[in-house]
């Protein structure tokens, strides 16, 4: 099992020395941290890095501003979209790890066409419920009614993607629909299904596997690190490689605590002792699959509740992608957000504006939200200085039934 401190010590020390020498953020944060020698206890004295410390000042972590960089935003599941950087080389290195796991589990590769449930097409090329772009079949989560799910089934039979990528809530709803309608699942060509972006609960896995077979794998990851862990054939979630040093901080008597990660290979934008906001624990159990990597048990923080307005059902992830689009056009416009469904058809969108916020950004935000929600929704945008966080994760969406209980 790759859990020993000695396995990581030299890489961690090299990363810290590099970050201290070349990043303005870490020059102050890590200065002198290795002056008194180097040990695991010394490493654990480095303050845990919170996302809130980086939002709006992501560039201060960069160690080489002249390098060719790959950038993307987090989905904002904590209510705080973060701009993440990688070198192009690092991007491909992480991609090779992920595709290696997919090939091992399902025999698929980057050229195999696939389907995915999404809030909208990545390039916003189409508002159609089903759109195909670059060998990817996008199935909109803006409407998950029974009639729409029937249409998705027919579209999948026609296009015949080899595998599917989905958040658990959307695929769970689709699996239930197939079972209830007694639709012929054997005609669907999937040989691999990957769940990411949300917690995959046991009851969801059971239903999804009943509909599609034992081809479901749970991908635990983030924009900051890409693939952190992937489930195996035995159903256990293993760390994906030895390129991430994972700690469990502030653990309770059962070993559950904050999942804190140091990326050992991203030297362009170092994340050292970064709190993912998730709660989990590392297990030393030996898995039947034979993986050399520890089992990571993650609990809480990734579950998503539906938006329900009469017969209209949608995944709240649509709010993340609206904010992502606004921040893409107006960098650091929305620093944090929370959506509350105060009545069945009345929504309050609370936001903390960043330095890039302007009138045009608010107009785009309003326009995108109106496009994605039913016409009769009363939507109000409210600016706030801060949004409170309680517990390890931020409740970015509070549905009507929860807001009134």
Protein backbone atom coordinates (compact mmCIF):
# COMPACT_ATOMS: atom_id res chain seq x y z
CA UNK A 1 0.00 0.00 0.00
CA UNK A 2 1.42 3.39 -1.00
CA UNK A 3 0.73 5.30 2.21
CA UNK A 4 4.15 5.64 3.82
CA UNK A 5 5.53 9.11 4.49
CA UNK A 6 8.98 8.13 3.19
CA UNK A 7 7.49 7.50 -0.27
CA UNK A 8 6.46 11.16 -0.57
CA UNK A 9 9.01 13.06 1.51
CA UNK A 10 11.51 14.00 -1.21
CA UNK A 11 8.79 15.08 -3.67
CA UNK A 12 7.08 17.20 -1.03
CA UNK A 13 10.30 18.90 -0.02
CA UNK A 14 11.17 19.62 -3.65
CA UNK A 15 7.71 21.07 -4.28
CA UNK A 16 7.88 23.32 -1.22
CA UNK A 17 11.34 24.64 -2.14
CA UNK A 18 10.17 25.33 -5.70
CA UNK A 19 6.98 27.08 -4.56
CA UNK A 20 8.81 29.17 -1.97
CA UNK A 21 11.37 30.32 -4.55
CA UNK A 22 9.00 31.15 -7.41
CA UNK A 23 5.47 31.88 -6.15
CA UNK A 24 4.68 35.22 -4.50
CA UNK A 25 1.90 33.54 -2.50
CA UNK A 26 4.15 30.81 -1.09
CA UNK A 27 7.17 33.04 -0.53
CA UNK A 28 5.26 34.52 2.37
CA UNK A 29 3.33 31.42 3.40
CA UNK A 30 6.20 28.90 3.43
CA UNK A 31 9.26 31.02 4.22
CA UNK A 32 11.39 29.17 6.77
CA UNK A 33 9.19 26.10 6.92
CA UNK A 34 12.12 23.76 6.27
CA UNK A 35 14.75 25.72 8.21
CA UNK A 36 14.49 23.49 11.28
CA UNK A 37 14.76 20.22 9.40
CA UNK A 38 12.19 18.15 7.53
CA UNK A 39 9.70 15.68 8.92
CA UNK A 40 6.06 14.71 8.66
CA UNK A 41 5.19 16.70 11.77
CA UNK A 42 7.00 19.72 10.34
CA UNK A 43 5.02 19.39 7.11
CA UNK A 44 1.77 19.28 9.07
CA UNK A 45 2.61 22.67 10.58
CA UNK A 46 2.03 24.26 7.17
CA UNK A 47 -1.38 25.98 7.37
CA UNK A 48 -4.14 24.17 5.51
CA UNK A 49 -5.04 26.10 2.36
CA UNK A 50 -8.70 27.12 2.03
CA UNK A 51 -10.38 27.90 -1.29
CA UNK A 52 -11.56 31.25 0.10
CA UNK A 53 -7.91 32.33 0.41
CA UNK A 54 -7.39 31.90 -3.34
CA UNK A 55 -10.61 33.21 -4.86
CA UNK A 56 -9.81 36.39 -6.76
CA UNK A 57 -6.04 36.00 -6.33
CA UNK A 58 -5.41 32.71 -8.11
CA UNK A 59 -2.54 34.16 -10.17
CA UNK A 60 -0.45 34.75 -7.05
CA UNK A 61 0.22 30.99 -6.83
CA UNK A 62 1.82 30.82 -10.29
CA UNK A 63 5.53 30.01 -10.36
CA UNK A 64 6.02 30.84 -14.05
CA UNK A 65 3.71 33.40 -15.69
CA UNK A 66 5.48 33.06 -19.05
CA UNK A 67 4.63 29.36 -19.46
CA UNK A 68 1.85 28.16 -21.74
CA UNK A 69 -1.02 27.57 -19.33
CA UNK A 70 -4.23 25.56 -19.38
CA UNK A 71 -7.01 27.18 -17.36
CA UNK A 72 -10.48 26.13 -16.24
CA UNK A 73 -13.00 27.01 -13.54
CA UNK A 74 -14.31 24.81 -10.78
CA UNK A 75 -18.01 24.00 -10.98
CA UNK A 76 -18.63 26.04 -7.86
CA UNK A 77 -20.09 23.25 -5.73
CA UNK A 78 -18.94 25.18 -2.66
CA UNK A 79 -20.46 28.39 -4.01
CA UNK A 80 -17.03 29.79 -4.89
CA UNK A 81 -15.89 29.21 -8.52
CA UNK A 82 -12.10 29.07 -8.64
CA UNK A 83 -9.83 29.60 -11.64
CA UNK A 84 -7.36 26.69 -11.86
CA UNK A 85 -4.08 26.55 -13.76
CA UNK A 86 -1.97 23.72 -15.15
CA UNK A 87 0.85 23.60 -17.63
CA UNK A 88 -0.05 21.94 -20.92
CA UNK A 89 2.36 19.14 -20.04
CA UNK A 90 0.67 18.67 -16.66
CA UNK A 91 -2.75 18.59 -18.30
CA UNK A 92 -1.71 15.71 -20.56
CA UNK A 93 -0.02 13.89 -17.67
CA UNK A 94 -3.26 13.95 -15.67
CA UNK A 95 -5.24 12.98 -18.76
CA UNK A 96 -3.08 9.89 -19.28
CA UNK A 97 -3.76 8.76 -15.71
CA UNK A 98 -7.51 9.17 -16.15
CA UNK A 99 -7.66 7.46 -19.54
CA UNK A 100 -5.50 4.63 -18.24
CA UNK A 101 -8.09 3.96 -15.55
CA UNK A 102 -10.95 4.16 -18.05
CA UNK A 103 -9.21 1.73 -20.37
CA UNK A 104 -8.54 -0.72 -17.54
CA UNK A 105 -12.11 -0.57 -16.27
CA UNK A 106 -14.07 -0.40 -19.51
CA UNK A 107 -11.72 -0.87 -22.44
CA UNK A 108 -12.49 2.61 -23.77
CA UNK A 109 -10.22 5.30 -25.18
CA UNK A 110 -10.31 9.01 -26.03
CA UNK A 111 -11.67 8.36 -29.54
CA UNK A 112 -14.72 6.39 -28.41
CA UNK A 113 -17.95 8.43 -28.71
CA UNK A 114 -19.80 8.96 -25.45
CA UNK A 115 -22.91 10.55 -23.99
CA UNK A 116 -23.14 12.84 -21.02
CA UNK A 117 -25.81 14.56 -18.97
CA UNK A 118 -24.93 18.23 -18.78
CA UNK A 119 -26.53 21.56 -17.97
CA UNK A 120 -25.60 22.78 -21.43
CA UNK A 121 -23.19 22.13 -24.28
CA UNK A 122 -19.65 23.12 -23.25
CA UNK A 123 -19.37 25.59 -26.11
CA UNK A 124 -22.99 26.72 -25.86
CA UNK A 125 -23.44 25.84 -29.53
CA UNK A 126 -26.99 24.65 -29.19
CA UNK A 127 -29.98 24.95 -26.91
CA UNK A 128 -31.44 21.66 -28.19
CA UNK A 129 -32.09 18.97 -25.54
CA UNK A 130 -29.82 16.62 -27.52
CA UNK A 131 -26.76 17.92 -29.31
CA UNK A 132 -23.63 16.24 -30.69
CA UNK A 133 -20.31 18.00 -30.79
CA UNK A 134 -16.84 16.47 -31.25
CA UNK A 135 -18.09 12.89 -30.78
CA UNK A 136 -19.89 13.82 -27.54
CA UNK A 137 -23.65 13.46 -27.20
CA UNK A 138 -24.95 16.08 -24.75
CA UNK A 139 -28.21 15.35 -22.94
CA UNK A 140 -29.64 18.43 -21.26
CA UNK A 141 -30.44 18.22 -17.56
CA UNK A 142 -32.64 21.30 -17.79
CA UNK A 143 -35.66 19.05 -18.34
CA UNK A 144 -35.75 15.52 -16.94
CA UNK A 145 -39.47 14.89 -17.41
CA UNK A 146 -40.72 11.44 -18.45
CA UNK A 147 -41.35 12.58 -22.01
CA UNK A 148 -37.83 14.00 -22.33
CA UNK A 149 -36.25 10.83 -20.92
CA UNK A 150 -38.14 8.80 -23.54
CA UNK A 151 -36.59 11.06 -26.18
CA UNK A 152 -33.13 10.51 -24.69
CA UNK A 153 -33.57 6.75 -24.84
CA UNK A 154 -34.44 6.91 -28.55
CA UNK A 155 -31.54 9.29 -29.23
CA UNK A 156 -29.08 6.94 -27.50
CA UNK A 157 -30.30 4.01 -29.59
CA UNK A 158 -29.74 6.05 -32.74
CA UNK A 159 -26.32 7.57 -31.93
CA UNK A 160 -24.97 4.50 -30.05
CA UNK A 161 -22.27 6.03 -27.82
CA UNK A 162 -19.84 3.52 -26.33
CA UNK A 163 -19.95 4.89 -22.82
CA UNK A 164 -21.62 7.48 -20.60
CA UNK A 165 -20.39 10.19 -18.24
CA UNK A 166 -22.92 11.56 -15.78
CA UNK A 167 -23.65 13.00 -12.38
CA UNK A 168 -25.35 10.45 -10.18
CA UNK A 169 -28.68 12.23 -9.73
CA UNK A 170 -29.43 12.51 -13.47
CA UNK A 171 -28.42 8.93 -14.28
CA UNK A 172 -30.33 7.60 -11.26
CA UNK A 173 -33.47 9.31 -12.54
CA UNK A 174 -32.89 7.95 -16.05
CA UNK A 175 -32.23 4.42 -14.74
CA UNK A 176 -35.46 4.48 -12.74
CA UNK A 177 -37.32 5.66 -15.83
CA UNK A 178 -35.96 2.80 -17.95
CA UNK A 179 -36.93 0.25 -15.31
CA UNK A 180 -40.41 1.67 -14.73
CA UNK A 181 -41.18 1.88 -18.45
CA UNK A 182 -39.64 -1.57 -19.02
CA UNK A 183 -37.60 -0.18 -21.90
CA UNK A 184 -35.13 -2.61 -23.49
CA UNK A 185 -31.77 -1.69 -21.95
CA UNK A 186 -29.94 -4.45 -23.84
CA UNK A 187 -30.16 -2.32 -26.98
CA UNK A 188 -28.10 0.43 -25.36
CA UNK A 189 -24.45 0.01 -26.38
CA UNK A 190 -22.75 1.15 -23.16
CA UNK A 191 -19.76 -0.85 -22.02
CA UNK A 192 -18.68 1.62 -19.34
CA UNK A 193 -20.46 4.21 -17.19
CA UNK A 194 -18.59 6.80 -15.15
CA UNK A 195 -20.18 8.85 -12.37
CA UNK A 196 -18.54 12.11 -11.39
CA UNK A 197 -19.32 15.51 -9.91
CA UNK A 198 -21.56 14.22 -7.11
CA UNK A 199 -21.66 11.60 -4.39
CA UNK A 200 -22.72 8.19 -5.66
CA UNK A 201 -24.87 6.63 -2.96
CA UNK A 202 -25.33 2.88 -2.63
CA UNK A 203 -29.04 3.07 -3.45
CA UNK A 204 -28.22 4.98 -6.64
CA UNK A 205 -25.52 2.52 -7.69
CA UNK A 206 -27.87 -0.42 -7.12
CA UNK A 207 -30.57 1.07 -9.36
CA UNK A 208 -28.13 2.20 -12.05
CA UNK A 209 -26.50 -1.25 -12.18
CA UNK A 210 -29.91 -2.89 -12.30
CA UNK A 211 -30.64 -0.84 -15.41
CA UNK A 212 -27.24 -1.01 -17.13
CA UNK A 213 -25.31 -3.88 -15.56
CA UNK A 214 -22.12 -3.94 -13.40
CA UNK A 215 -20.28 -1.38 -15.53
CA UNK A 216 -20.59 1.61 -13.18
CA UNK A 217 -17.44 3.31 -11.86
CA UNK A 218 -17.30 6.22 -9.45
CA UNK A 219 -14.87 9.01 -10.36
CA UNK A 220 -13.98 11.29 -7.45
CA UNK A 221 -12.22 14.36 -8.73
CA UNK A 222 -12.12 18.13 -9.04
CA UNK A 223 -10.97 20.83 -11.45
CA UNK A 224 -8.08 21.54 -9.10
CA UNK A 225 -6.63 18.02 -9.29
CA UNK A 226 -8.64 16.18 -11.97
CA UNK A 227 -8.91 12.51 -11.00
CA UNK A 228 -8.35 11.99 -7.27
CA UNK A 229 -9.83 8.53 -7.03
CA UNK A 230 -11.65 5.91 -9.09
CA UNK A 231 -13.66 2.93 -7.91
CA UNK A 232 -12.50 -0.57 -8.78
CA UNK A 233 -14.32 -3.75 -9.81
CA UNK A 234 -14.93 -4.46 -6.11
CA UNK A 235 -16.68 -1.11 -5.68
CA UNK A 236 -14.01 0.52 -3.51
CA UNK A 237 -12.79 4.04 -4.28
CA UNK A 238 -8.98 4.03 -4.60
CA UNK A 239 -6.62 6.97 -4.91
CA UNK A 240 -5.85 7.22 -8.62
CA UNK A 241 -2.05 7.45 -8.39
CA UNK A 242 0.88 8.35 -6.15
CA UNK A 243 1.04 11.86 -7.62
CA UNK A 244 -1.28 13.25 -4.95
CA UNK A 245 -0.41 13.28 -1.25
CA UNK A 246 -3.71 12.90 0.60
CA UNK A 247 -4.21 13.63 4.31
CA UNK A 248 -7.25 13.47 6.55
CA UNK A 249 -7.18 16.55 8.77
CA UNK A 250 -9.07 17.17 12.02
CA UNK A 251 -10.37 13.61 12.02
CA UNK A 252 -12.93 12.26 14.46
CA UNK A 253 -12.76 9.02 16.46
CA UNK A 254 -13.81 7.04 13.38
CA UNK A 255 -11.07 8.53 11.23
CA UNK A 256 -13.30 10.85 9.20
CA UNK A 257 -12.01 14.36 8.60
CA UNK A 258 -11.31 16.95 5.93
CA UNK A 259 -9.76 15.57 2.72
CA UNK A 260 -6.60 17.66 2.28
CA UNK A 261 -4.48 17.22 -0.85
CA UNK A 262 -1.03 18.27 -2.04
CA UNK A 263 -0.44 17.95 -5.78
CA UNK A 264 3.10 16.60 -6.24
CA UNK A 265 3.39 17.30 -9.98
CA UNK A 266 1.67 20.65 -10.65
CA UNK A 267 4.65 22.93 -10.12
CA UNK A 268 3.17 25.78 -12.19
CA UNK A 269 0.26 26.32 -9.79
CA UNK A 270 1.14 24.47 -6.58
CA UNK A 271 -1.63 23.42 -4.23
CA UNK A 272 -0.04 22.51 -0.92
CA UNK A 273 -2.27 21.13 1.84
CA UNK A 274 -5.42 22.23 0.04
CA UNK A 275 -8.74 21.54 1.75
CA UNK A 276 -11.13 20.06 -0.81
CA UNK A 277 -14.09 20.72 1.48
CA UNK A 278 -15.02 17.04 1.41
CA UNK A 279 -15.20 14.73 4.40
CA UNK A 280 -13.61 11.28 4.20
CA UNK A 281 -11.14 8.81 5.59
CA UNK A 282 -8.30 6.64 4.30
CA UNK A 283 -8.57 2.90 4.85
CA UNK A 284 -5.68 0.47 5.09
CA UNK A 285 -7.90 -2.45 4.07
CA UNK A 286 -6.53 -4.71 1.37
CA UNK A 287 -8.88 -4.69 -1.60
CA UNK A 288 -9.66 -7.83 -3.59
CA UNK A 289 -8.88 -5.96 -6.82
CA UNK A 290 -5.17 -5.89 -6.00
CA UNK A 291 -4.70 -2.12 -6.37
CA UNK A 292 -1.58 -0.77 -4.61
CA UNK A 293 -3.40 2.48 -3.79
CA UNK A 294 -5.32 3.10 -0.55
CA UNK A 295 -9.09 3.05 -0.35
CA UNK A 296 -10.62 6.49 0.19
CA UNK A 297 -14.09 6.68 1.71
CA UNK A 298 -15.75 10.01 0.96
CA UNK A 299 -18.96 10.99 2.69
CA UNK A 300 -21.08 14.10 2.20
CA UNK A 301 -20.53 17.24 0.22
CA UNK A 302 -21.28 15.86 -3.24
CA UNK A 303 -25.00 15.21 -3.12
CA UNK A 304 -27.30 17.35 -5.22
CA UNK A 305 -31.02 17.89 -4.89
CA UNK A 306 -33.35 18.49 -7.78
CA UNK A 307 -35.17 21.69 -8.63
CA UNK A 308 -38.87 20.84 -8.88
CA UNK A 309 -41.59 23.13 -10.24
CA UNK A 310 -44.71 21.09 -10.82
CA UNK A 311 -43.79 18.55 -13.50
CA UNK A 312 -40.57 20.37 -14.43
CA UNK A 313 -37.45 18.77 -12.91
CA UNK A 314 -33.87 19.96 -13.31
CA UNK A 315 -30.49 19.53 -11.67
CA UNK A 316 -29.23 22.58 -9.70
CA UNK A 317 -25.88 22.18 -11.44
CA UNK A 318 -27.32 24.55 -14.03
CA UNK A 319 -26.60 27.41 -11.60
CA UNK A 320 -22.91 26.44 -11.57
CA UNK A 321 -22.65 26.66 -15.33
CA UNK A 322 -24.43 29.99 -15.49
CA UNK A 323 -21.89 31.41 -13.04
CA UNK A 324 -19.04 29.74 -14.95
CA UNK A 325 -20.16 31.44 -18.18
CA UNK A 326 -20.41 34.83 -16.48
CA UNK A 327 -16.94 34.45 -14.96
CA UNK A 328 -15.57 33.29 -18.30
CA UNK A 329 -16.75 36.53 -19.90
CA UNK A 330 -16.09 38.76 -16.88
CA UNK A 331 -13.25 37.22 -14.82
CA UNK A 332 -13.89 37.24 -11.06
CA UNK A 333 -17.38 38.71 -11.48
CA UNK A 334 -19.17 36.30 -9.15
CA UNK A 335 -17.10 35.45 -6.09
CA UNK A 336 -19.70 33.34 -4.31
CA UNK A 337 -23.38 32.48 -4.76
CA UNK A 338 -26.35 30.76 -3.17
CA UNK A 339 -29.79 30.11 -4.62
CA UNK A 340 -32.84 29.79 -2.39
CA UNK A 341 -36.20 28.60 -3.66
CA UNK A 342 -38.35 30.61 -1.24
CA UNK A 343 -41.63 29.67 -2.94
CA UNK A 344 -42.25 27.00 -5.55
CA UNK A 345 -41.77 29.53 -8.38
CA UNK A 346 -39.79 32.22 -6.60
CA UNK A 347 -35.98 32.10 -6.43
CA UNK A 348 -33.54 34.38 -4.64
CA UNK A 349 -30.06 34.40 -6.20
CA UNK A 350 -27.62 35.74 -3.62
CA UNK A 351 -24.16 36.64 -4.86
CA UNK A 352 -20.95 38.15 -3.58
CA UNK A 353 -19.56 40.30 -6.43
CA UNK A 354 -15.86 40.12 -7.23
CA UNK A 355 -13.59 42.74 -8.73
CA UNK A 356 -14.75 41.88 -12.26
CA UNK A 357 -18.43 42.48 -11.57
CA UNK A 358 -20.12 45.14 -13.71
CA UNK A 359 -23.53 45.97 -15.13
CA UNK A 360 -22.95 43.84 -18.24
CA UNK A 361 -22.06 40.84 -16.06
CA UNK A 362 -25.31 41.14 -14.11
CA UNK A 363 -27.26 41.44 -17.37
CA UNK A 364 -25.64 38.23 -18.67
CA UNK A 365 -26.33 36.47 -15.37
CA UNK A 366 -30.00 37.47 -15.46
CA UNK A 367 -30.33 36.50 -19.12
CA UNK A 368 -28.71 33.06 -18.66
CA UNK A 369 -30.83 32.25 -15.61
CA UNK A 370 -34.03 33.27 -17.38
CA UNK A 371 -33.08 31.11 -20.38
CA UNK A 372 -32.58 28.03 -18.24
CA UNK A 373 -35.55 28.36 -15.87
CA UNK A 374 -39.26 28.20 -16.81
CA UNK A 375 -40.81 31.47 -18.02
CA UNK A 376 -43.10 31.93 -15.02
CA UNK A 377 -40.31 31.85 -12.43
CA UNK A 378 -39.87 34.97 -10.30
CA UNK A 379 -36.09 35.40 -10.03
CA UNK A 380 -34.46 38.07 -7.89
CA UNK A 381 -30.73 38.78 -7.71
CA UNK A 382 -29.42 40.13 -4.41
CA UNK A 383 -25.88 41.38 -3.73
CA UNK A 384 -24.29 40.58 -0.38
CA UNK A 385 -20.93 41.24 1.23
CA UNK A 386 -20.54 37.60 2.25
CA UNK A 387 -22.42 34.31 2.40
CA UNK A 388 -22.11 32.25 5.55
CA UNK A 389 -20.81 28.69 5.46
CA UNK A 390 -21.82 26.11 8.03
CA UNK A 391 -20.18 22.69 8.16
CA UNK A 392 -17.66 21.24 5.71
CA UNK A 393 -19.63 22.13 2.57
CA UNK A 394 -21.57 25.11 1.35
CA UNK A 395 -25.25 24.65 0.54
CA UNK A 396 -25.35 26.42 -2.80
CA UNK A 397 -28.98 25.50 -3.49
CA UNK A 398 -31.76 25.36 -0.91
CA UNK A 399 -34.97 23.90 -2.36
CA UNK A 400 -38.42 25.10 -1.37
CA UNK A 401 -39.23 22.14 0.88
CA UNK A 402 -35.95 22.59 2.78
CA UNK A 403 -36.23 26.37 3.05
CA UNK A 404 -39.67 26.00 4.67
CA UNK A 405 -39.10 23.20 7.16
